[in-house]
Amino acid sequence: MEAPFVNPQEDTAAEAIEAIGDELDVFDDWMERYQYIIEMGRKLPPFPPEWCNDAHRVPGCQSQVWLEEKEEDGRLYFAGLSDAAIVCGLVALLLRVYSGRTREEIQATDPGFLRDLGLVQALSTNRGNGVEAMARAIRTAAAVSA
């Protein structure tokens, strides 16, 4: 899959969640984790400016967040962007887990991992709600039949 869509780094969503958890555990405090998450966002493939519109906007996010999906060979690939650095990193984190997976795997991957990793609790209420809204948008896209 070519840019702007994210290719999976790990073979499964579960492996991606485990890898993210291991990477976050390296840091001693949340400020360091935030910086790591922001760096993840900076590495996202370029998102086409023409997709930064209401048709691609994720509702329920304090910051502006845009997502696009594409199905290829039975897998859904996602592209995403936010106008806020930390949220862009959260987009990257979610796409690492969900992009390049089958609809079934996306549906089977509960976004509860965001709480398990401590991400939702470490964010402001609005940001926590926003990241959960992004996960819902991805899972909703997977629930819609092709």
Protein backbone atom coordinates (compact mmCIF):
# COMPACT_ATOMS: atom_id res chain seq x y z
CA MET A 1 0.00 0.00 0.00
CA GLU A 2 1.36 3.39 -0.95
CA ALA A 3 1.29 6.66 0.95
CA PRO A 4 -0.75 8.21 2.47
CA PHE A 5 -2.04 4.91 3.81
CA VAL A 6 -0.25 3.28 6.75
CA ASN A 7 1.24 -0.18 6.32
CA PRO A 8 1.31 -2.37 9.42
CA GLN A 9 4.64 -2.83 11.18
CA GLU A 10 3.50 -5.92 13.08
CA ASP A 11 1.68 -9.00 11.78
CA THR A 12 -1.38 -8.56 14.01
CA ALA A 13 -3.18 -5.82 15.91
CA ALA A 14 -2.41 -7.66 19.17
CA GLU A 15 1.32 -7.64 18.36
CA ALA A 16 1.11 -3.91 17.56
CA ILE A 17 -0.56 -3.20 20.92
CA GLU A 18 2.07 -5.24 22.74
CA ALA A 19 4.91 -3.46 20.89
CA ILE A 20 3.44 -0.02 21.67
CA GLY A 21 3.11 -1.00 25.34
CA ASP A 22 6.73 -2.15 25.43
CA GLU A 23 7.89 1.07 23.76
CA LEU A 24 5.93 3.27 26.19
CA ASP A 25 7.28 1.29 29.16
CA VAL A 26 10.80 2.44 28.29
CA PHE A 27 9.94 5.96 29.44
CA ASP A 28 9.85 6.98 33.09
CA ASP A 29 7.10 9.57 32.92
CA TRP A 30 4.22 10.74 30.77
CA MET A 31 6.04 13.80 29.45
CA GLU A 32 8.58 11.49 27.80
CA ARG A 33 5.77 9.25 26.54
CA TYR A 34 3.97 12.27 25.08
CA GLN A 35 7.13 13.28 23.24
CA TYR A 36 7.45 9.74 21.85
CA ILE A 37 3.81 9.80 20.72
CA ILE A 38 4.33 13.20 19.06
CA GLU A 39 7.33 11.75 17.20
CA MET A 40 5.12 8.88 15.98
CA GLY A 41 2.77 11.47 14.50
CA ARG A 42 5.60 13.23 12.70
CA LYS A 43 6.38 9.97 10.90
CA LEU A 44 2.89 9.54 9.43
CA PRO A 45 2.80 9.46 5.63
CA PRO A 46 1.78 12.82 4.12
CA PHE A 47 -2.00 13.29 4.17
CA PRO A 48 -3.45 14.90 1.04
CA PRO A 49 -4.60 18.47 1.82
CA GLU A 50 -7.75 17.95 -0.25
CA TRP A 51 -8.88 15.35 2.33
CA CYS A 52 -8.77 17.93 5.14
CA ASN A 53 -12.49 18.58 4.84
CA ASP A 54 -15.75 17.83 6.63
CA ALA A 55 -16.26 14.60 4.66
CA HIS A 56 -13.11 13.15 6.27
CA ARG A 57 -13.42 14.80 9.69
CA VAL A 58 -13.86 12.58 12.74
CA PRO A 59 -16.68 13.91 14.94
CA GLY A 60 -16.16 14.02 18.69
CA CYS A 61 -12.56 15.22 18.65
CA GLN A 62 -11.53 18.49 20.28
CA SER A 63 -8.82 18.94 17.64
CA GLN A 64 -9.49 18.48 13.98
CA VAL A 65 -8.86 14.90 12.90
CA TRP A 66 -9.27 13.53 9.41
CA LEU A 67 -9.31 9.87 8.35
CA GLU A 68 -9.58 8.08 5.02
CA GLU A 69 -9.75 4.36 4.38
CA LYS A 70 -9.12 2.16 1.39
CA GLU A 71 -9.72 -1.54 1.01
CA GLU A 72 -7.21 -3.68 -0.83
CA ASP A 73 -6.90 -7.47 -0.90
CA GLY A 74 -9.43 -7.87 1.91
CA ARG A 75 -7.64 -5.46 4.24
CA LEU A 76 -8.53 -1.92 5.26
CA TYR A 77 -5.78 0.67 5.16
CA PHE A 78 -6.13 4.04 6.85
CA ALA A 79 -4.59 7.45 6.40
CA GLY A 80 -4.96 10.14 9.02
CA LEU A 81 -3.94 13.56 10.24
CA SER A 82 -4.69 16.03 13.01
CA ASP A 83 -4.00 19.72 13.43
CA ALA A 84 -2.59 19.07 16.95
CA ALA A 85 0.81 17.40 17.42
CA ILE A 86 -0.16 15.07 20.28
CA VAL A 87 -3.37 14.06 18.52
CA CYS A 88 -1.43 13.38 15.32
CA GLY A 89 0.68 10.99 17.40
CA LEU A 90 -2.45 9.30 18.73
CA VAL A 91 -3.67 8.95 15.13
CA ALA A 92 -0.35 7.27 14.27
CA LEU A 93 -0.69 4.94 17.25
CA LEU A 94 -4.23 3.92 16.26
CA LEU A 95 -3.27 3.42 12.63
CA ARG A 96 -0.35 1.24 13.70
CA VAL A 97 -2.86 -1.02 15.44
CA TYR A 98 -5.72 -0.96 12.93
CA SER A 99 -4.39 -0.13 9.43
CA GLY A 100 -3.70 -3.04 7.11
CA ARG A 101 -5.97 -5.43 9.01
CA THR A 102 -9.04 -7.36 7.92
CA ARG A 103 -12.46 -6.05 8.88
CA GLU A 104 -12.80 -8.98 11.25
CA GLU A 105 -9.53 -8.25 13.04
CA ILE A 106 -10.42 -4.57 13.37
CA GLN A 107 -13.80 -5.47 14.84
CA ALA A 108 -12.19 -8.00 17.20
CA THR A 109 -9.64 -5.45 18.48
CA ASP A 110 -11.39 -3.64 21.29
CA PRO A 111 -10.19 -0.05 21.79
CA GLY A 112 -9.98 -0.87 25.51
CA PHE A 113 -6.25 -1.24 24.89
CA LEU A 114 -6.10 2.58 25.01
CA ARG A 115 -7.13 2.43 28.68
CA ASP A 116 -4.95 -0.63 29.35
CA LEU A 117 -1.91 1.32 28.11
CA GLY A 118 -2.89 4.25 30.36
CA LEU A 119 -3.35 6.56 27.39
CA VAL A 120 -6.92 7.67 28.01
CA GLN A 121 -6.28 8.35 31.70
CA ALA A 122 -3.10 10.34 30.95
CA LEU A 123 -4.88 12.66 28.52
CA SER A 124 -7.28 15.49 29.23
CA THR A 125 -10.91 14.38 29.23
CA ASN A 126 -11.51 15.97 25.82
CA ARG A 127 -8.41 14.33 24.28
CA GLY A 128 -9.32 10.98 25.85
CA ASN A 129 -12.81 11.23 24.39
CA GLY A 130 -11.30 12.22 21.06
CA VAL A 131 -8.96 9.23 20.81
CA GLU A 132 -11.88 6.95 21.66
CA ALA A 133 -13.92 8.70 18.91
CA MET A 134 -11.10 7.99 16.44
CA ALA A 135 -11.08 4.30 17.41
CA ARG A 136 -14.87 4.19 17.00
CA ALA A 137 -14.61 5.79 13.54
CA ILE A 138 -12.09 3.16 12.45
CA ARG A 139 -14.19 0.30 13.82
CA THR A 140 -17.32 1.77 12.22
CA ALA A 141 -15.55 1.88 8.86
CA ALA A 142 -14.68 -1.79 9.30
CA ALA A 143 -18.28 -2.64 10.16
CA VAL A 144 -19.60 -1.16 6.91
CA SER A 145 -19.66 -3.82 4.23
CA ALA A 146 -17.52 -3.12 1.19
